[in-house]
Protein backbone atom coordinates (compact mmCIF):
# COMPACT_ATOMS: atom_id res chain seq x y z
CA MET A 1 113.24 98.17 112.73
CA THR A 2 116.94 98.85 111.82
CA GLY A 3 118.07 100.29 108.41
CA ARG A 4 119.44 96.86 107.47
CA TRP A 5 116.33 94.79 108.18
CA ARG A 6 114.09 97.58 106.47
CA PHE A 7 116.44 97.15 103.37
CA THR A 8 116.35 93.73 103.54
CA CYS A 9 112.57 93.40 103.88
CA LEU A 10 112.16 95.60 100.89
CA LEU A 11 114.42 93.74 98.61
CA ALA A 12 112.63 90.84 99.35
CA VAL A 13 109.44 92.32 98.39
CA ALA A 14 110.71 93.41 95.10
CA PHE A 15 112.00 90.24 94.19
CA ALA A 16 108.60 88.38 95.19
CA ALA A 17 106.80 91.13 93.27
CA GLY A 18 109.20 90.28 90.25
CA GLY A 19 107.88 86.58 90.73
CA LEU A 20 104.24 87.57 90.77
CA ALA A 21 104.61 88.68 87.29
CA VAL A 22 104.72 85.45 86.08
CA THR A 23 101.52 84.24 87.47
CA ALA A 24 99.82 87.75 87.79
CA ALA A 25 97.11 86.76 85.09
CA ALA A 26 95.83 84.56 87.34
CA GLU A 27 96.15 86.45 90.45
CA GLU A 28 94.67 89.88 89.33
CA PRO A 29 93.49 90.92 92.85
CA HIS A 30 97.15 90.93 94.29
CA LEU A 31 98.46 93.26 91.40
CA ALA A 32 97.04 96.39 92.98
CA GLN A 33 98.52 94.96 96.27
CA ALA A 34 101.86 94.37 94.93
CA LEU A 35 102.20 97.54 92.97
CA THR A 36 101.25 99.46 96.63
CA ALA A 37 104.01 97.38 98.15
CA LEU A 38 106.51 98.17 95.75
CA GLN A 39 105.75 101.69 95.67
CA ASP A 40 106.09 102.02 99.31
CA ALA A 41 109.46 100.12 99.26
CA HIS A 42 110.49 102.55 96.84
CA GLY A 43 109.42 105.36 98.68
CA TYR A 44 111.24 104.43 101.86
CA LEU A 45 114.55 103.85 99.66
CA ALA A 46 114.28 107.09 98.44
CA GLN A 47 114.30 108.48 101.88
CA THR A 48 117.44 106.93 102.68
CA ARG A 49 120.35 109.54 103.60
CA ASP A 50 123.18 107.32 103.35
CA ASN A 51 124.33 105.65 100.22
CA LYS A 52 125.59 102.55 101.81
CA GLY A 53 127.62 101.35 98.47
CA GLY A 54 124.95 102.29 96.26
CA HIS A 55 122.69 99.41 97.46
CA PRO A 56 119.73 101.84 97.91
CA GLN A 57 119.97 102.76 94.12
CA LYS A 58 120.27 99.32 93.07
CA ALA A 59 117.17 98.23 95.03
CA MET A 60 115.25 101.04 93.66
CA ALA A 61 116.01 99.90 90.08
CA LEU A 62 114.93 96.31 90.89
CA ILE A 63 111.80 97.58 91.99
CA GLU A 64 111.04 99.61 89.02
CA GLN A 65 111.74 96.71 86.96
CA ALA A 66 109.20 94.52 89.08
CA GLU A 67 106.56 97.35 88.79
CA ALA A 68 107.34 97.20 84.99
CA GLU A 69 106.91 93.66 84.87
CA LEU A 70 103.79 93.58 87.09
CA ARG A 71 102.49 96.47 84.58
CA ALA A 72 103.25 94.61 81.57
CA VAL A 73 100.90 91.39 82.59
CA SER A 74 98.07 93.61 84.26
CA PRO A 75 94.76 94.05 81.99
């Protein structure tokens, strides 16, 4: 998987998890999976060597925001 494709996938996961926050109360079993996916995405982005215009850092900030939203609605 190319770096650009991986980055695109990880960013999509971050946005999808942010959307999950809205319906998280109804879908509690998926919260743990979403948080794990976000943590994995954050970990992969943290390993990037090239700055690529600041995109990895911006993506990590979005992931952190999505994680915070999921934790806010989780029981």
